[in-house]
Amino acid sequence: MKSLKTIIAFLTLAFLTACGSEQKGEVKMSKANWDTGYFQAEVYKQAIEALGYEVKKPQAIKPSVFYLAAASGDADLWVNGWESTHQNYLTDSNVKGKVEPVGYVMKKGGLQGYLVDKKTADALNIKSVIDIKQHAAKFDANGDGKADMVACPPGWGCEKQITKHFAELNLGEFINPIKAEYSASMADALARYKNGESILFYTWTPNWTVGAFKLGEDVVWIEVPFSETQPVEVASATKAKINMGFGADDIRPFANADFLNANPEIKKLLEVASIPLADISAQNLKMNAGEKSEKDVERHAKEWIEANQATFDGWIAQAKN
């Protein structure tokens, strides 16, 4: 028969083991409803799980839904926030003070603007979105007399900025913004380009579009003479310095303020983690090539973590200290 001391030691070890293996809590994580944001969401999800939390399957939602959900506590966080582009959501009276940015996925990684195929830009001397007015028929895919431009679906922050451009610059007189599902619309634009047709579209970085179309060779950024933004130096543009119509944005995690206070390890993780733009763009190209299932994205994230194991382990170690 085992001694009382042995039994007590065994029970103590079992208790400590059980405590150590318990989940620290459930995290209600969301992700963007644009697929170029799925990869970074999955990397951060796996990092939070490495801290010992259970993460519910992230739901893909648009910004207008996420920030209200985070403010009410129905969502805890996402890592797909565009700080400047999403300001109108953050200043909403139902959201202000309840949702906070923490850390950076990419500082100034969010470049946005309009592009045309370089062949047409060179042939017609198109340097600005205003120049499209004289050549709208060249970009008219549906025969309505207006240039067709792939824009943003309703509920995205960029849609509001594009709407401002249309109002201030009267772009609606000669441009028809396509607001259907973005990836499908861009796939159509790519097909038209390969058929030798002229194309006009909005995009951002990171995004598979700037891999499928080579910047400076296939497509070029054009100017948007918008009063709220200033000219900047941009590579692969029609001029050395252009007004993009959008500011270079920081892509950041945003979370419910009470959730961050209650979970300091997650807050610290969000503060120290980041992913290079080039790595996200490379993954986006894999998705565009067909590797776009949920399992594919999970695998891409695991492969990235394995290739950057020391960095990933550093995040976890810092978060736990």
C-alpha atoms as a PDB file:
ATOM      1  CA  MET A   1       0.000   0.000   0.000  1.00  0.00           C
ATOM      2  CA  LYS A   2       1.321   3.396  -0.950  1.00  0.00           C
ATOM      3  CA  SER A   3       2.339   5.718   1.869  1.00  0.00           C
ATOM      4  CA  LEU A   4       0.225   8.785   2.593  1.00  0.00           C
ATOM      5  CA  LYS A   5       3.166  11.002   1.545  1.00  0.00           C
ATOM      6  CA  THR A   6       3.358   9.282  -1.862  1.00  0.00           C
ATOM      7  CA  ILE A   7      -0.379   9.660  -2.437  1.00  0.00           C
ATOM      8  CA  ILE A   8      -0.280  13.363  -1.531  1.00  0.00           C
ATOM      9  CA  ALA A   9       2.658  13.952  -3.897  1.00  0.00           C
ATOM     10  CA  PHE A  10       0.848  12.135  -6.702  1.00  0.00           C
ATOM     11  CA  LEU A  11      -2.344  14.129  -6.212  1.00  0.00           C
ATOM     12  CA  THR A  12      -0.407  17.401  -6.034  1.00  0.00           C
ATOM     13  CA  LEU A  13       1.390  16.634  -9.303  1.00  0.00           C
ATOM     14  CA  ALA A  14      -1.899  15.706 -10.998  1.00  0.00           C
ATOM     15  CA  PHE A  15      -3.505  18.932  -9.801  1.00  0.00           C
ATOM     16  CA  LEU A  16      -0.632  21.076 -11.049  1.00  0.00           C
ATOM     17  CA  THR A  17      -0.589  19.282 -14.395  1.00  0.00           C
ATOM     18  CA  ALA A  18      -4.312  19.779 -14.815  1.00  0.00           C
ATOM     19  CA  CYS A  19      -4.063  23.470 -13.958  1.00  0.00           C
ATOM     20  CA  GLY A  20      -1.207  23.957 -16.369  1.00  0.00           C
ATOM     21  CA  SER A  21      -3.149  22.394 -19.237  1.00  0.00           C
ATOM     22  CA  GLU A  22      -6.346  24.410 -18.711  1.00  0.00           C
ATOM     23  CA  GLN A  23      -7.339  26.928 -21.354  1.00  0.00           C
ATOM     24  CA  LYS A  24      -7.001  30.484 -20.127  1.00  0.00           C
ATOM     25  CA  GLY A  25     -10.276  31.518 -21.696  1.00  0.00           C
ATOM     26  CA  GLU A  26     -12.157  31.805 -24.950  1.00  0.00           C
ATOM     27  CA  VAL A  27     -11.361  34.586 -27.414  1.00  0.00           C
ATOM     28  CA  LYS A  28     -13.973  35.873 -29.845  1.00  0.00           C
ATOM     29  CA  MET A  29     -11.798  36.866 -32.778  1.00  0.00           C
ATOM     30  CA  SER A  30     -13.053  38.363 -36.037  1.00  0.00           C
ATOM     31  CA  LYS A  31     -11.348  38.760 -39.401  1.00  0.00           C
ATOM     32  CA  ALA A  32     -11.798  41.038 -42.401  1.00  0.00           C
ATOM     33  CA  ASN A  33     -14.245  40.111 -45.130  1.00  0.00           C
ATOM     34  CA  TRP A  34     -11.511  40.717 -47.732  1.00  0.00           C
ATOM     35  CA  ASP A  35      -9.460  37.577 -48.298  1.00  0.00           C
ATOM     36  CA  THR A  36      -6.103  39.386 -48.380  1.00  0.00           C
ATOM     37  CA  GLY A  37      -6.512  39.822 -44.620  1.00  0.00           C
ATOM     38  CA  TYR A  38      -7.089  36.143 -43.809  1.00  0.00           C
ATOM     39  CA  PHE A  39      -3.425  35.153 -43.552  1.00  0.00           C
ATOM     40  CA  GLN A  40      -2.397  37.635 -40.882  1.00  0.00           C
ATOM     41  CA  ALA A  41      -5.571  36.860 -38.937  1.00  0.00           C
ATOM     42  CA  GLU A  42      -4.625  33.168 -38.929  1.00  0.00           C
ATOM     43  CA  VAL A  43      -1.036  33.834 -37.820  1.00  0.00           C
ATOM     44  CA  TYR A  44      -2.262  35.906 -34.877  1.00  0.00           C
ATOM     45  CA  LYS A  45      -4.927  33.313 -34.063  1.00  0.00           C
ATOM     46  CA  GLN A  46      -2.288  30.615 -33.791  1.00  0.00           C
ATOM     47  CA  ALA A  47      -0.146  32.906 -31.634  1.00  0.00           C
ATOM     48  CA  ILE A  48      -3.026  33.524 -29.226  1.00  0.00           C
ATOM     49  CA  GLU A  49      -3.622  29.771 -29.070  1.00  0.00           C
ATOM     50  CA  ALA A  50       0.078  29.290 -28.291  1.00  0.00           C
ATOM     51  CA  LEU A  51      -0.492  31.458 -25.212  1.00  0.00           C
ATOM     52  CA  GLY A  52      -3.045  28.923 -24.015  1.00  0.00           C
ATOM     53  CA  TYR A  53      -6.307  30.516 -25.096  1.00  0.00           C
ATOM     54  CA  GLU A  54      -9.094  28.904 -27.061  1.00  0.00           C
ATOM     55  CA  VAL A  55      -9.940  30.980 -30.121  1.00  0.00           C
ATOM     56  CA  LYS A  56     -13.372  30.637 -31.665  1.00  0.00           C
ATOM     57  CA  LYS A  57     -13.347  30.287 -35.438  1.00  0.00           C
ATOM     58  CA  PRO A  58     -12.916  33.889 -36.658  1.00  0.00           C
ATOM     59  CA  GLN A  59     -15.935  35.177 -38.541  1.00  0.00           C
ATOM     60  CA  ALA A  60     -15.316  37.261 -41.660  1.00  0.00           C
ATOM     61  CA  ILE A  61     -17.172  40.558 -41.251  1.00  0.00           C
ATOM     62  CA  LYS A  62     -16.984  44.067 -42.674  1.00  0.00           C
ATOM     63  CA  PRO A  63     -15.525  46.956 -40.636  1.00  0.00           C
ATOM     64  CA  SER A  64     -18.882  48.624 -40.018  1.00  0.00           C
ATOM     65  CA  VAL A  65     -19.994  45.446 -38.227  1.00  0.00           C
ATOM     66  CA  PHE A  66     -16.756  44.644 -36.399  1.00  0.00           C
ATOM     67  CA  TYR A  67     -16.284  47.907 -34.520  1.00  0.00           C
ATOM     68  CA  LEU A  68     -19.852  47.911 -33.205  1.00  0.00           C
ATOM     69  CA  ALA A  69     -19.497  44.240 -32.226  1.00  0.00           C
ATOM     70  CA  ALA A  70     -16.196  44.919 -30.448  1.00  0.00           C
ATOM     71  CA  ALA A  71     -17.670  47.911 -28.625  1.00  0.00           C
ATOM     72  CA  SER A  72     -20.578  45.831 -27.338  1.00  0.00           C
ATOM     73  CA  GLY A  73     -18.386  42.871 -26.383  1.00  0.00           C
ATOM     74  CA  ASP A  74     -19.806  40.553 -29.028  1.00  0.00           C
ATOM     75  CA  ALA A  75     -16.288  40.432 -30.545  1.00  0.00           C
ATOM     76  CA  ASP A  76     -12.977  40.738 -28.706  1.00  0.00           C
ATOM     77  CA  LEU A  77     -10.504  41.699 -31.430  1.00  0.00           C
ATOM     78  CA  TRP A  78      -9.288  41.593 -34.991  1.00  0.00           C
ATOM     79  CA  VAL A  79      -5.933  42.382 -36.631  1.00  0.00           C
ATOM     80  CA  ASN A  80      -7.361  43.857 -39.848  1.00  0.00           C
ATOM     81  CA  GLY A  81      -7.866  47.436 -38.738  1.00  0.00           C
ATOM     82  CA  TRP A  82      -6.847  50.286 -41.045  1.00  0.00           C
ATOM     83  CA  GLU A  83      -6.351  53.108 -38.584  1.00  0.00           C
ATOM     84  CA  SER A  84      -6.978  56.110 -40.839  1.00  0.00           C
ATOM     85  CA  THR A  85      -9.451  54.490 -43.210  1.00  0.00           C
ATOM     86  CA  HIS A  86     -11.585  53.219 -40.323  1.00  0.00           C
ATOM     87  CA  GLN A  87     -11.617  56.472 -38.332  1.00  0.00           C
ATOM     88  CA  ASN A  88     -15.278  57.111 -39.039  1.00  0.00           C
ATOM     89  CA  TYR A  89     -16.143  53.841 -37.288  1.00  0.00           C
ATOM     90  CA  LEU A  90     -13.836  54.565 -34.348  1.00  0.00           C
ATOM     91  CA  THR A  91     -15.321  57.996 -33.713  1.00  0.00           C
ATOM     92  CA  ASP A  92     -18.882  56.650 -33.713  1.00  0.00           C
ATOM     93  CA  SER A  93     -20.512  57.453 -30.352  1.00  0.00           C
ATOM     94  CA  ASN A  94     -21.268  53.758 -29.842  1.00  0.00           C
ATOM     95  CA  VAL A  95     -17.625  52.794 -30.359  1.00  0.00           C
ATOM     96  CA  LYS A  96     -15.463  55.678 -29.120  1.00  0.00           C
ATOM     97  CA  GLY A  97     -13.510  54.781 -25.979  1.00  0.00           C
ATOM     98  CA  LYS A  98     -14.618  51.156 -26.093  1.00  0.00           C
ATOM     99  CA  VAL A  99     -12.327  49.873 -28.861  1.00  0.00           C
ATOM    100  CA  GLU A 100      -8.567  50.503 -28.906  1.00  0.00           C
ATOM    101  CA  PRO A 101      -5.694  50.004 -31.359  1.00  0.00           C
ATOM    102  CA  VAL A 102      -2.773  48.014 -29.979  1.00  0.00           C
ATOM    103  CA  GLY A 103       0.462  47.231 -31.810  1.00  0.00           C
ATOM    104  CA  TYR A 104       1.018  47.181 -35.562  1.00  0.00           C
ATOM    105  CA  VAL A 105       0.689  44.370 -38.078  1.00  0.00           C
ATOM    106  CA  MET A 106       2.414  46.710 -40.563  1.00  0.00           C
ATOM    107  CA  LYS A 107       3.327  50.365 -40.129  1.00  0.00           C
ATOM    108  CA  LYS A 108       2.428  52.354 -43.242  1.00  0.00           C
ATOM    109  CA  GLY A 109       1.831  49.054 -44.992  1.00  0.00           C
ATOM    110  CA  GLY A 110      -1.548  50.075 -46.322  1.00  0.00           C
ATOM    111  CA  LEU A 111      -1.058  51.903 -49.609  1.00  0.00           C
ATOM    112  CA  GLN A 112      -4.261  52.655 -51.544  1.00  0.00           C
ATOM    113  CA  GLY A 113      -5.152  54.224 -54.839  1.00  0.00           C
ATOM    114  CA  TYR A 114      -6.312  53.870 -58.445  1.00  0.00           C
ATOM    115  CA  LEU A 115      -4.385  52.216 -61.254  1.00  0.00           C
ATOM    116  CA  VAL A 116      -4.671  51.847 -65.017  1.00  0.00           C
ATOM    117  CA  ASP A 117      -2.790  49.549 -67.333  1.00  0.00           C
ATOM    118  CA  LYS A 118       0.515  51.143 -68.321  1.00  0.00           C
ATOM    119  CA  LYS A 119       0.004  50.595 -72.065  1.00  0.00           C
ATOM    120  CA  THR A 120      -3.145  52.740 -72.050  1.00  0.00           C
ATOM    121  CA  ALA A 121      -1.659  55.322 -69.686  1.00  0.00           C
ATOM    122  CA  ASP A 122       1.339  55.794 -71.961  1.00  0.00           C
ATOM    123  CA  ALA A 123      -0.665  55.838 -75.191  1.00  0.00           C
ATOM    124  CA  LEU A 124      -3.265  58.351 -73.969  1.00  0.00           C
ATOM    125  CA  ASN A 125      -1.028  60.298 -71.549  1.00  0.00           C
ATOM    126  CA  ILE A 126      -3.252  59.460 -68.595  1.00  0.00           C
ATOM    127  CA  LYS A 127      -1.697  60.761 -65.382  1.00  0.00           C
ATOM    128  CA  SER A 128      -4.765  61.539 -63.269  1.00  0.00           C
ATOM    129  CA  VAL A 129      -8.183  60.034 -62.637  1.00  0.00           C
ATOM    130  CA  ILE A 130      -9.558  63.241 -64.191  1.00  0.00           C
ATOM    131  CA  ASP A 131      -7.879  62.300 -67.491  1.00  0.00           C
ATOM    132  CA  ILE A 132     -10.179  59.275 -67.674  1.00  0.00           C
ATOM    133  CA  LYS A 133     -13.022  61.643 -68.622  1.00  0.00           C
ATOM    134  CA  GLN A 134     -11.631  62.145 -72.131  1.00  0.00           C
ATOM    135  CA  HIS A 135     -11.158  58.403 -72.641  1.00  0.00           C
ATOM    136  CA  ALA A 136     -14.053  56.836 -70.720  1.00  0.00           C
ATOM    137  CA  ALA A 137     -15.057  54.662 -73.687  1.00  0.00           C
ATOM    138  CA  LYS A 138     -11.673  52.967 -73.562  1.00  0.00           C
ATOM    139  CA  PHE A 139     -12.508  51.554 -70.119  1.00  0.00           C
ATOM    140  CA  ASP A 140     -16.192  50.861 -70.783  1.00  0.00           C
ATOM    141  CA  ALA A 141     -16.847  47.142 -70.349  1.00  0.00           C
ATOM    142  CA  ASN A 142     -20.654  47.183 -70.297  1.00  0.00           C
ATOM    143  CA  GLY A 143     -21.473  49.711 -73.013  1.00  0.00           C
ATOM    144  CA  ASP A 144     -23.057  52.403 -70.845  1.00  0.00           C
ATOM    145  CA  GLY A 145     -20.630  55.087 -71.992  1.00  0.00           C
ATOM    146  CA  LYS A 146     -18.818  55.333 -68.668  1.00  0.00           C
ATOM    147  CA  ALA A 147     -15.451  53.913 -67.640  1.00  0.00           C
ATOM    148  CA  ASP A 148     -15.863  50.856 -65.440  1.00  0.00           C
ATOM    149  CA  MET A 149     -13.679  50.885 -62.323  1.00  0.00           C
ATOM    150  CA  VAL A 150     -13.353  48.090 -59.789  1.00  0.00           C
ATOM    151  CA  ALA A 151     -14.111  49.820 -56.485  1.00  0.00           C
ATOM    152  CA  CYS A 152     -15.003  48.642 -52.947  1.00  0.00           C
ATOM    153  CA  PRO A 153     -18.034  46.689 -51.725  1.00  0.00           C
ATOM    154  CA  PRO A 154     -20.486  48.475 -49.403  1.00  0.00           C
ATOM    155  CA  GLY A 155     -19.366  48.592 -45.764  1.00  0.00           C
ATOM    156  CA  TRP A 156     -15.640  48.820 -46.448  1.00  0.00           C
ATOM    157  CA  GLY A 157     -13.781  51.907 -45.254  1.00  0.00           C
ATOM    158  CA  CYS A 158     -12.380  52.528 -48.730  1.00  0.00           C
ATOM    159  CA  GLU A 159     -15.903  52.752 -50.127  1.00  0.00           C
ATOM    160  CA  LYS A 160     -16.521  55.877 -48.058  1.00  0.00           C
ATOM    161  CA  GLN A 161     -13.289  57.487 -49.287  1.00  0.00           C
ATOM    162  CA  ILE A 162     -14.071  56.622 -52.895  1.00  0.00           C
ATOM    163  CA  THR A 163     -17.537  58.145 -52.425  1.00  0.00           C
ATOM    164  CA  LYS A 164     -15.829  61.356 -51.267  1.00  0.00           C
ATOM    165  CA  HIS A 165     -13.659  61.357 -54.383  1.00  0.00           C
ATOM    166  CA  PHE A 166     -16.696  60.934 -56.603  1.00  0.00           C
ATOM    167  CA  ALA A 167     -18.506  63.784 -54.858  1.00  0.00           C
ATOM    168  CA  GLU A 168     -15.606  66.272 -54.833  1.00  0.00           C
ATOM    169  CA  LEU A 169     -14.244  65.491 -58.290  1.00  0.00           C
ATOM    170  CA  ASN A 170     -17.556  64.650 -60.017  1.00  0.00           C
ATOM    171  CA  LEU A 171     -16.153  61.290 -61.071  1.00  0.00           C
ATOM    172  CA  GLY A 172     -19.636  59.808 -61.361  1.00  0.00           C
ATOM    173  CA  GLU A 173     -20.145  61.779 -64.563  1.00  0.00           C
ATOM    174  CA  PHE A 174     -17.761  59.485 -66.404  1.00  0.00           C
ATOM    175  CA  ILE A 175     -16.856  56.547 -64.123  1.00  0.00           C
ATOM    176  CA  ASN A 176     -19.051  53.669 -62.989  1.00  0.00           C
ATOM    177  CA  PRO A 177     -17.758  52.183 -59.692  1.00  0.00           C
ATOM    178  CA  ILE A 178     -18.126  48.394 -59.578  1.00  0.00           C
ATOM    179  CA  LYS A 179     -19.036  47.478 -55.977  1.00  0.00           C
ATOM    180  CA  ALA A 180     -19.526  43.737 -56.388  1.00  0.00           C
ATOM    181  CA  GLU A 181     -17.379  41.158 -54.560  1.00  0.00           C
ATOM    182  CA  TYR A 182     -13.837  42.491 -54.901  1.00  0.00           C
ATOM    183  CA  SER A 183     -11.793  39.401 -55.755  1.00  0.00           C
ATOM    184  CA  ALA A 184     -14.264  38.308 -58.439  1.00  0.00           C
ATOM    185  CA  SER A 185     -14.335  41.820 -59.921  1.00  0.00           C
ATOM    186  CA  MET A 186     -10.540  41.947 -60.013  1.00  0.00           C
ATOM    187  CA  ALA A 187     -10.402  38.508 -61.608  1.00  0.00           C
ATOM    188  CA  ASP A 188     -12.616  39.910 -64.378  1.00  0.00           C
ATOM    189  CA  ALA A 189     -10.296  42.916 -64.731  1.00  0.00           C
ATOM    190  CA  LEU A 190      -7.273  40.636 -64.990  1.00  0.00           C
ATOM    191  CA  ALA A 191      -9.000  38.588 -67.692  1.00  0.00           C
ATOM    192  CA  ARG A 192      -9.814  41.751 -69.650  1.00  0.00           C
ATOM    193  CA  TYR A 193      -6.212  42.911 -69.358  1.00  0.00           C
ATOM    194  CA  LYS A 194      -4.943  39.592 -70.690  1.00  0.00           C
ATOM    195  CA  ASN A 195      -7.301  40.048 -73.640  1.00  0.00           C
ATOM    196  CA  GLY A 196      -5.642  43.369 -74.430  1.00  0.00           C
ATOM    197  CA  GLU A 197      -8.374  45.596 -72.991  1.00  0.00           C
ATOM    198  CA  SER A 198      -7.810  48.736 -70.912  1.00  0.00           C
ATOM    199  CA  ILE A 199      -8.529  48.508 -67.169  1.00  0.00           C
ATOM    200  CA  LEU A 200      -9.094  50.897 -64.277  1.00  0.00           C
ATOM    201  CA  PHE A 201      -9.274  49.730 -60.669  1.00  0.00           C
ATOM    202  CA  TYR A 202      -8.826  50.576 -57.007  1.00  0.00           C
ATOM    203  CA  THR A 203      -6.467  48.460 -54.935  1.00  0.00           C
ATOM    204  CA  TRP A 204      -4.438  48.451 -51.765  1.00  0.00           C
ATOM    205  CA  THR A 205      -1.343  46.797 -50.341  1.00  0.00           C
ATOM    206  CA  PRO A 206      -0.896  44.077 -49.313  1.00  0.00           C
ATOM    207  CA  ASN A 207      -2.984  42.519 -52.040  1.00  0.00           C
ATOM    208  CA  TRP A 208      -2.564  39.801 -54.648  1.00  0.00           C
ATOM    209  CA  THR A 209      -3.367  42.344 -57.348  1.00  0.00           C
ATOM    210  CA  VAL A 210       0.072  43.961 -57.073  1.00  0.00           C
ATOM    211  CA  GLY A 211       1.584  40.550 -57.740  1.00  0.00           C
ATOM    212  CA  ALA A 212      -0.740  39.461 -60.531  1.00  0.00           C
ATOM    213  CA  PHE A 213      -0.154  42.862 -62.159  1.00  0.00           C
ATOM    214  CA  LYS A 214       3.470  43.977 -62.080  1.00  0.00           C
ATOM    215  CA  LEU A 215       3.647  47.541 -60.805  1.00  0.00           C
ATOM    216  CA  GLY A 216       5.415  49.801 -63.276  1.00  0.00           C
ATOM    217  CA  GLU A 217       5.232  47.198 -66.048  1.00  0.00           C
ATOM    218  CA  ASP A 218       1.596  46.123 -66.287  1.00  0.00           C
ATOM    219  CA  VAL A 219      -0.102  48.875 -64.290  1.00  0.00           C
ATOM    220  CA  VAL A 220       0.685  52.303 -62.825  1.00  0.00           C
ATOM    221  CA  TRP A 221      -0.776  54.415 -60.023  1.00  0.00           C
ATOM    222  CA  ILE A 222      -2.599  57.542 -61.211  1.00  0.00           C
ATOM    223  CA  GLU A 223      -3.178  60.792 -59.354  1.00  0.00           C
ATOM    224  CA  VAL A 224      -6.327  61.738 -57.451  1.00  0.00           C
ATOM    225  CA  PRO A 225      -6.327  65.541 -56.979  1.00  0.00           C
ATOM    226  CA  PHE A 226      -8.228  65.277 -53.693  1.00  0.00           C
ATOM    227  CA  SER A 227      -8.178  68.198 -51.257  1.00  0.00           C
ATOM    228  CA  GLU A 228      -7.898  66.116 -48.062  1.00  0.00           C
ATOM    229  CA  THR A 229      -4.642  64.370 -49.008  1.00  0.00           C
ATOM    230  CA  GLN A 230      -1.201  65.545 -50.082  1.00  0.00           C
ATOM    231  CA  PRO A 231       1.215  64.426 -52.837  1.00  0.00           C
ATOM    232  CA  VAL A 232       3.755  61.776 -51.866  1.00  0.00           C
ATOM    233  CA  GLU A 233       6.595  59.984 -53.605  1.00  0.00           C
ATOM    234  CA  VAL A 234       5.328  56.682 -54.935  1.00  0.00           C
ATOM    235  CA  ALA A 235       7.132  54.148 -57.079  1.00  0.00           C
ATOM    236  CA  SER A 236       5.436  52.878 -60.246  1.00  0.00           C
ATOM    237  CA  ALA A 237       3.227  55.949 -60.632  1.00  0.00           C
ATOM    238  CA  THR A 238       2.524  58.232 -63.602  1.00  0.00           C
ATOM    239  CA  LYS A 239       4.532  60.945 -61.845  1.00  0.00           C
ATOM    240  CA  ALA A 240       7.355  60.861 -59.313  1.00  0.00           C
ATOM    241  CA  LYS A 241       5.141  62.534 -56.728  1.00  0.00           C
ATOM    242  CA  ILE A 242       1.363  62.124 -56.802  1.00  0.00           C
ATOM    243  CA  ASN A 243      -1.674  62.645 -54.622  1.00  0.00           C
ATOM    244  CA  MET A 244      -2.991  59.118 -54.060  1.00  0.00           C
ATOM    245  CA  GLY A 245      -6.296  60.312 -52.627  1.00  0.00           C
ATOM    246  CA  PHE A 246      -5.639  58.046 -49.653  1.00  0.00           C
ATOM    247  CA  GLY A 247      -3.048  58.368 -46.914  1.00  0.00           C
ATOM    248  CA  ALA A 248      -0.543  55.560 -46.333  1.00  0.00           C
ATOM    249  CA  ASP A 249      -2.272  53.636 -43.586  1.00  0.00           C
ATOM    250  CA  ASP A 250      -1.176  51.648 -40.556  1.00  0.00           C
ATOM    251  CA  ILE A 251      -2.675  48.160 -40.388  1.00  0.00           C
ATOM    252  CA  ARG A 252      -3.246  47.431 -36.710  1.00  0.00           C
ATOM    253  CA  PRO A 253      -5.025  45.125 -34.286  1.00  0.00           C
ATOM    254  CA  PHE A 254      -8.088  46.636 -32.617  1.00  0.00           C
ATOM    255  CA  ALA A 255      -9.715  45.175 -29.527  1.00  0.00           C
ATOM    256  CA  ASN A 256     -12.366  45.759 -26.918  1.00  0.00           C
ATOM    257  CA  ALA A 257     -10.734  47.918 -24.219  1.00  0.00           C
ATOM    258  CA  ASP A 258     -12.099  45.855 -21.317  1.00  0.00           C
ATOM    259  CA  PHE A 259     -10.902  42.663 -22.992  1.00  0.00           C
ATOM    260  CA  LEU A 260      -7.353  44.050 -23.247  1.00  0.00           C
ATOM    261  CA  ASN A 261      -7.349  45.045 -19.583  1.00  0.00           C
ATOM    262  CA  ALA A 262      -8.527  41.571 -18.584  1.00  0.00           C
ATOM    263  CA  ASN A 263      -6.005  39.777 -20.823  1.00  0.00           C
ATOM    264  CA  PRO A 264      -2.581  41.457 -20.480  1.00  0.00           C
ATOM    265  CA  GLU A 265      -0.775  38.568 -22.207  1.00  0.00           C
ATOM    266  CA  ILE A 266      -2.830  39.019 -25.359  1.00  0.00           C
ATOM    267  CA  LYS A 267      -2.349  42.778 -25.182  1.00  0.00           C
ATOM    268  CA  LYS A 268       1.417  42.310 -24.967  1.00  0.00           C
ATOM    269  CA  LEU A 269       1.361  39.834 -27.861  1.00  0.00           C
ATOM    270  CA  LEU A 270      -0.460  42.359 -30.039  1.00  0.00           C
ATOM    271  CA  GLU A 271       2.096  44.999 -29.068  1.00  0.00           C
ATOM    272  CA  VAL A 272       5.143  42.958 -30.107  1.00  0.00           C
ATOM    273  CA  ALA A 273       3.915  40.946 -33.118  1.00  0.00           C
ATOM    274  CA  SER A 274       4.146  42.106 -36.740  1.00  0.00           C
ATOM    275  CA  ILE A 275       4.376  40.552 -40.207  1.00  0.00           C
ATOM    276  CA  PRO A 276       6.434  41.910 -43.143  1.00  0.00           C
ATOM    277  CA  LEU A 277       4.469  43.280 -46.085  1.00  0.00           C
ATOM    278  CA  ALA A 278       6.455  41.106 -48.503  1.00  0.00           C
ATOM    279  CA  ASP A 279       5.430  37.935 -46.658  1.00  0.00           C
ATOM    280  CA  ILE A 280       1.740  38.833 -46.732  1.00  0.00           C
ATOM    281  CA  SER A 281       1.914  39.742 -50.413  1.00  0.00           C
ATOM    282  CA  ALA A 282       3.621  36.412 -51.163  1.00  0.00           C
ATOM    283  CA  GLN A 283       0.846  34.523 -49.391  1.00  0.00           C
ATOM    284  CA  ASN A 284      -1.805  36.552 -51.207  1.00  0.00           C
ATOM    285  CA  LEU A 285      -0.289  35.430 -54.506  1.00  0.00           C
ATOM    286  CA  LYS A 286      -0.641  31.788 -53.419  1.00  0.00           C
ATOM    287  CA  MET A 287      -4.310  32.417 -52.742  1.00  0.00           C
ATOM    288  CA  ASN A 288      -4.749  34.000 -56.144  1.00  0.00           C
ATOM    289  CA  ALA A 289      -3.109  30.942 -57.711  1.00  0.00           C
ATOM    290  CA  GLY A 290      -5.788  28.725 -56.171  1.00  0.00           C
ATOM    291  CA  GLU A 291      -4.600  27.983 -52.637  1.00  0.00           C
ATOM    292  CA  LYS A 292      -7.484  29.838 -51.005  1.00  0.00           C
ATOM    293  CA  SER A 293      -9.400  27.319 -48.914  1.00  0.00           C
ATOM    294  CA  GLU A 294      -9.558  27.667 -45.149  1.00  0.00           C
ATOM    295  CA  LYS A 295      -7.171  24.742 -44.792  1.00  0.00           C
ATOM    296  CA  ASP A 296      -4.771  26.344 -47.273  1.00  0.00           C
ATOM    297  CA  VAL A 297      -4.663  29.567 -45.247  1.00  0.00           C
ATOM    298  CA  GLU A 298      -4.133  27.624 -42.011  1.00  0.00           C
ATOM    299  CA  ARG A 299      -1.273  25.755 -43.668  1.00  0.00           C
ATOM    300  CA  HIS A 300       0.257  28.981 -44.999  1.00  0.00           C
ATOM    301  CA  ALA A 301       0.213  30.417 -41.477  1.00  0.00           C
ATOM    302  CA  LYS A 302       1.811  27.289 -39.990  1.00  0.00           C
ATOM    303  CA  GLU A 303       4.493  27.301 -42.678  1.00  0.00           C
ATOM    304  CA  TRP A 304       5.217  30.973 -42.031  1.00  0.00           C
ATOM    305  CA  ILE A 305       5.490  30.336 -38.298  1.00  0.00           C
ATOM    306  CA  GLU A 306       7.864  27.409 -38.869  1.00  0.00           C
ATOM    307  CA  ALA A 307      10.010  29.533 -41.190  1.00  0.00           C
ATOM    308  CA  ASN A 308      10.067  32.311 -38.577  1.00  0.00           C
ATOM    309  CA  GLN A 309      10.036  30.131 -35.455  1.00  0.00           C
ATOM    310  CA  ALA A 310      12.517  32.198 -33.451  1.00  0.00           C
ATOM    311  CA  THR A 311      10.532  35.362 -34.092  1.00  0.00           C
ATOM    312  CA  PHE A 312       7.246  33.654 -33.222  1.00  0.00           C
ATOM    313  CA  ASP A 313       8.679  32.122 -30.043  1.00  0.00           C
ATOM    314  CA  GLY A 314       9.972  35.571 -29.122  1.00  0.00           C
ATOM    315  CA  TRP A 315       6.436  36.981 -29.332  1.00  0.00           C
ATOM    316  CA  ILE A 316       5.149  34.280 -26.986  1.00  0.00           C
ATOM    317  CA  ALA A 317       8.006  34.697 -24.523  1.00  0.00           C
ATOM    318  CA  GLN A 318       7.556  38.473 -24.370  1.00  0.00           C
ATOM    319  CA  ALA A 319       3.796  38.127 -23.968  1.00  0.00           C
ATOM    320  CA  LYS A 320       4.230  35.821 -20.975  1.00  0.00           C
ATOM    321  CA  ASN A 321       6.706  38.078 -19.173  1.00  0.00           C
END
